Amino acid sequence: MDSPFAELTRTPDGVVAAVYRRASEECATGHCPIARQLEGCVRDAVAAVWDGRVKTFVPVLALRRVRACIRAGTCECDDF
């Protein structure tokens, strides 16, 4: 399985790092409206889903949330 989250770390900071790496790749084109807030946005997204019962999906759900924020041009979005 070739997933960027195949080896899930069990700490919030580890998940933040993994999601940030992936989001940075998508935001690297120079047209990222939230480039300056990306790290905080990723931290907020991970925190929002961290308390879920199944930790396996936290990186996927957090990345989905960050992608929605990138599309919206703001980290203040809940559309995911």
N, C-alpha and C. Protein backbone atom coordinates (compact mmCIF):
# COMPACT_ATOMS: atom_id res chain seq x y z
N MET A 1 0.84 -1.17 0.00
CA MET A 1 0.00 0.00 0.00
C MET A 1 0.89 1.24 0.00
N ASP A 2 0.67 2.13 -0.92
CA ASP A 2 1.50 3.31 -1.06
C ASP A 2 0.76 4.54 -0.54
N SER A 3 0.63 4.64 0.74
CA SER A 3 -0.07 5.75 1.36
C SER A 3 0.92 6.59 2.14
N PRO A 4 0.79 7.92 2.07
CA PRO A 4 1.70 8.75 2.84
C PRO A 4 1.49 8.60 4.34
N PHE A 5 0.38 8.00 4.73
CA PHE A 5 0.07 7.82 6.14
C PHE A 5 0.12 6.36 6.54
N ALA A 6 0.77 5.51 5.74
CA ALA A 6 0.79 4.07 6.01
C ALA A 6 1.40 3.76 7.37
N GLU A 7 2.43 4.50 7.73
CA GLU A 7 3.05 4.30 9.03
C GLU A 7 2.62 5.43 9.95
N LEU A 8 1.47 5.24 10.55
CA LEU A 8 0.88 6.26 11.40
C LEU A 8 1.63 6.38 12.72
N THR A 9 2.00 7.58 13.07
CA THR A 9 2.59 7.81 14.37
C THR A 9 1.45 7.98 15.37
N ARG A 10 1.71 7.76 16.60
CA ARG A 10 0.65 7.72 17.61
C ARG A 10 0.55 9.01 18.44
N THR A 11 1.29 10.02 18.07
CA THR A 11 1.23 11.28 18.81
C THR A 11 0.65 12.38 17.93
N PRO A 12 0.00 13.36 18.52
CA PRO A 12 -0.53 14.46 17.71
C PRO A 12 0.57 15.18 16.93
N ASP A 13 1.73 15.38 17.55
CA ASP A 13 2.82 16.08 16.86
C ASP A 13 3.31 15.29 15.64
N GLY A 14 3.35 13.98 15.76
CA GLY A 14 3.74 13.15 14.62
C GLY A 14 2.75 13.22 13.49
N VAL A 15 1.48 13.25 13.83
CA VAL A 15 0.44 13.37 12.81
C VAL A 15 0.49 14.76 12.17
N VAL A 16 0.70 15.78 12.98
CA VAL A 16 0.82 17.15 12.45
C VAL A 16 1.97 17.20 11.44
N ALA A 17 3.11 16.61 11.78
CA ALA A 17 4.26 16.62 10.88
C ALA A 17 3.94 15.92 9.56
N ALA A 18 3.28 14.77 9.63
CA ALA A 18 2.94 14.01 8.42
C ALA A 18 1.94 14.78 7.55
N VAL A 19 0.92 15.35 8.18
CA VAL A 19 -0.09 16.10 7.43
C VAL A 19 0.52 17.38 6.86
N TYR A 20 1.38 18.03 7.62
CA TYR A 20 2.03 19.25 7.15
C TYR A 20 2.89 18.98 5.92
N ARG A 21 3.64 17.87 5.95
CA ARG A 21 4.46 17.52 4.78
C ARG A 21 3.60 17.36 3.54
N ARG A 22 2.52 16.63 3.69
CA ARG A 22 1.63 16.38 2.55
C ARG A 22 0.96 17.68 2.08
N ALA A 23 0.48 18.49 3.01
CA ALA A 23 -0.17 19.75 2.65
C ALA A 23 0.83 20.71 2.02
N SER A 24 2.07 20.70 2.47
CA SER A 24 3.10 21.57 1.89
C SER A 24 3.35 21.24 0.44
N GLU A 25 3.30 19.96 0.11
CA GLU A 25 3.47 19.55 -1.29
C GLU A 25 2.36 20.13 -2.16
N GLU A 26 1.17 20.13 -1.66
CA GLU A 26 0.03 20.64 -2.41
C GLU A 26 0.00 22.16 -2.43
N CYS A 27 0.61 22.77 -1.46
CA CYS A 27 0.60 24.22 -1.32
C CYS A 27 1.86 24.86 -1.90
N ALA A 28 2.75 24.07 -2.44
CA ALA A 28 4.06 24.56 -2.88
C ALA A 28 4.05 25.26 -4.23
N THR A 29 2.93 25.29 -4.89
CA THR A 29 2.89 25.86 -6.24
C THR A 29 3.06 27.37 -6.27
N GLY A 30 3.05 28.02 -5.11
CA GLY A 30 3.19 29.47 -5.08
C GLY A 30 1.86 30.18 -5.13
N HIS A 31 0.80 29.45 -5.28
CA HIS A 31 -0.53 30.03 -5.34
C HIS A 31 -1.36 29.60 -4.14
N CYS A 32 -0.72 29.34 -3.07
CA CYS A 32 -1.41 28.87 -1.86
C CYS A 32 -1.85 30.07 -1.04
N PRO A 33 -3.16 30.28 -0.91
CA PRO A 33 -3.63 31.46 -0.20
C PRO A 33 -3.39 31.42 1.31
N ILE A 34 -3.10 30.23 1.85
CA ILE A 34 -2.89 30.13 3.30
C ILE A 34 -1.47 29.71 3.65
N ALA A 35 -0.53 29.95 2.76
CA ALA A 35 0.85 29.49 2.96
C ALA A 35 1.42 29.93 4.31
N ARG A 36 1.17 31.15 4.71
CA ARG A 36 1.73 31.66 5.96
C ARG A 36 1.05 31.05 7.19
N GLN A 37 -0.17 30.62 7.04
CA GLN A 37 -0.91 30.04 8.16
C GLN A 37 -0.99 28.52 8.09
N LEU A 38 -0.28 27.91 7.16
CA LEU A 38 -0.44 26.48 6.91
C LEU A 38 -0.17 25.63 8.14
N GLU A 39 0.91 25.89 8.86
CA GLU A 39 1.23 25.06 10.02
C GLU A 39 0.14 25.15 11.09
N GLY A 40 -0.32 26.36 11.36
CA GLY A 40 -1.39 26.52 12.34
C GLY A 40 -2.69 25.88 11.88
N CYS A 41 -2.94 25.96 10.61
CA CYS A 41 -4.13 25.35 10.02
C CYS A 41 -4.06 23.83 10.18
N VAL A 42 -2.91 23.26 9.94
CA VAL A 42 -2.73 21.81 10.09
C VAL A 42 -2.90 21.42 11.56
N ARG A 43 -2.32 22.18 12.46
CA ARG A 43 -2.46 21.88 13.89
C ARG A 43 -3.94 21.94 14.31
N ASP A 44 -4.65 22.94 13.84
CA ASP A 44 -6.07 23.05 14.17
C ASP A 44 -6.86 21.87 13.60
N ALA A 45 -6.54 21.47 12.38
CA ALA A 45 -7.25 20.36 11.74
C ALA A 45 -7.01 19.05 12.50
N VAL A 46 -5.77 18.81 12.90
CA VAL A 46 -5.46 17.59 13.66
C VAL A 46 -6.17 17.63 15.01
N ALA A 47 -6.13 18.76 15.68
CA ALA A 47 -6.79 18.89 16.99
C ALA A 47 -8.30 18.66 16.88
N ALA A 48 -8.88 19.11 15.77
CA ALA A 48 -10.32 18.98 15.59
C ALA A 48 -10.77 17.53 15.46
N VAL A 49 -9.91 16.67 14.94
CA VAL A 49 -10.31 15.27 14.74
C VAL A 49 -9.57 14.30 15.65
N TRP A 50 -8.66 14.78 16.48
CA TRP A 50 -7.84 13.91 17.30
C TRP A 50 -8.65 13.08 18.30
N ASP A 51 -9.70 13.62 18.83
CA ASP A 51 -10.46 12.91 19.86
C ASP A 51 -11.40 11.84 19.32
N GLY A 52 -11.34 11.60 18.03
CA GLY A 52 -12.16 10.54 17.45
C GLY A 52 -11.77 9.18 17.99
N ARG A 53 -12.67 8.23 17.88
CA ARG A 53 -12.42 6.91 18.44
C ARG A 53 -11.38 6.11 17.67
N VAL A 54 -11.26 6.36 16.38
CA VAL A 54 -10.34 5.59 15.55
C VAL A 54 -9.22 6.51 15.07
N LYS A 55 -8.03 6.34 15.62
CA LYS A 55 -6.90 7.21 15.29
C LYS A 55 -6.36 6.97 13.89
N THR A 56 -6.66 5.84 13.30
CA THR A 56 -6.15 5.51 11.97
C THR A 56 -6.55 6.56 10.94
N PHE A 57 -7.72 7.15 11.08
CA PHE A 57 -8.23 8.08 10.09
C PHE A 57 -7.92 9.54 10.37
N VAL A 58 -7.27 9.82 11.49
CA VAL A 58 -6.97 11.21 11.85
C VAL A 58 -6.17 11.93 10.76
N PRO A 59 -5.09 11.35 10.22
CA PRO A 59 -4.34 12.07 9.18
C PRO A 59 -5.16 12.34 7.92
N VAL A 60 -5.96 11.38 7.53
CA VAL A 60 -6.77 11.53 6.31
C VAL A 60 -7.82 12.62 6.52
N LEU A 61 -8.50 12.59 7.65
CA LEU A 61 -9.52 13.59 7.93
C LEU A 61 -8.92 14.98 8.10
N ALA A 62 -7.78 15.07 8.76
CA ALA A 62 -7.12 16.36 8.93
C ALA A 62 -6.66 16.92 7.59
N LEU A 63 -6.10 16.08 6.74
CA LEU A 63 -5.67 16.56 5.42
C LEU A 63 -6.87 17.00 4.59
N ARG A 64 -7.97 16.29 4.69
CA ARG A 64 -9.18 16.69 3.97
C ARG A 64 -9.62 18.09 4.41
N ARG A 65 -9.55 18.32 5.71
CA ARG A 65 -9.94 19.62 6.26
C ARG A 65 -8.99 20.72 5.78
N VAL A 66 -7.69 20.44 5.76
CA VAL A 66 -6.71 21.43 5.31
C VAL A 66 -6.90 21.72 3.82
N ARG A 67 -7.16 20.71 3.03
CA ARG A 67 -7.41 20.93 1.60
C ARG A 67 -8.62 21.84 1.39
N ALA A 68 -9.67 21.63 2.18
CA ALA A 68 -10.86 22.49 2.08
C ALA A 68 -10.49 23.93 2.43
N CYS A 69 -9.64 24.10 3.43
CA CYS A 69 -9.20 25.44 3.82
C CYS A 69 -8.36 26.09 2.72
N ILE A 70 -7.52 25.30 2.07
CA ILE A 70 -6.72 25.82 0.96
C ILE A 70 -7.65 26.30 -0.15
N ARG A 71 -8.65 25.49 -0.48
CA ARG A 71 -9.61 25.88 -1.53
C ARG A 71 -10.38 27.13 -1.13
N ALA A 72 -10.75 27.23 0.15
CA ALA A 72 -11.53 28.38 0.63
C ALA A 72 -10.66 29.62 0.80
N GLY A 73 -9.36 29.42 0.91
CA GLY A 73 -8.45 30.56 1.09
C GLY A 73 -8.36 31.07 2.51
N THR A 74 -8.83 30.28 3.45
CA THR A 74 -8.79 30.66 4.86
C THR A 74 -8.74 29.41 5.74
N CYS A 75 -8.13 29.56 6.88
CA CYS A 75 -8.08 28.44 7.84
C CYS A 75 -9.34 28.38 8.68
N GLU A 76 -10.19 29.34 8.52
CA GLU A 76 -11.45 29.39 9.27
C GLU A 76 -12.56 28.72 8.48
N CYS A 77 -12.33 27.48 8.11
CA CYS A 77 -13.36 26.80 7.33
C CYS A 77 -13.66 25.44 7.94
N ASP A 78 -14.90 25.06 7.87
CA ASP A 78 -15.33 23.76 8.38
C ASP A 78 -15.88 22.90 7.26
N ASP A 79 -15.70 23.33 6.04
CA ASP A 79 -16.27 22.63 4.89
C ASP A 79 -15.31 21.54 4.42
N PHE A 80 -15.54 20.33 4.91
CA PHE A 80 -14.71 19.22 4.46
C PHE A 80 -15.52 17.99 4.27
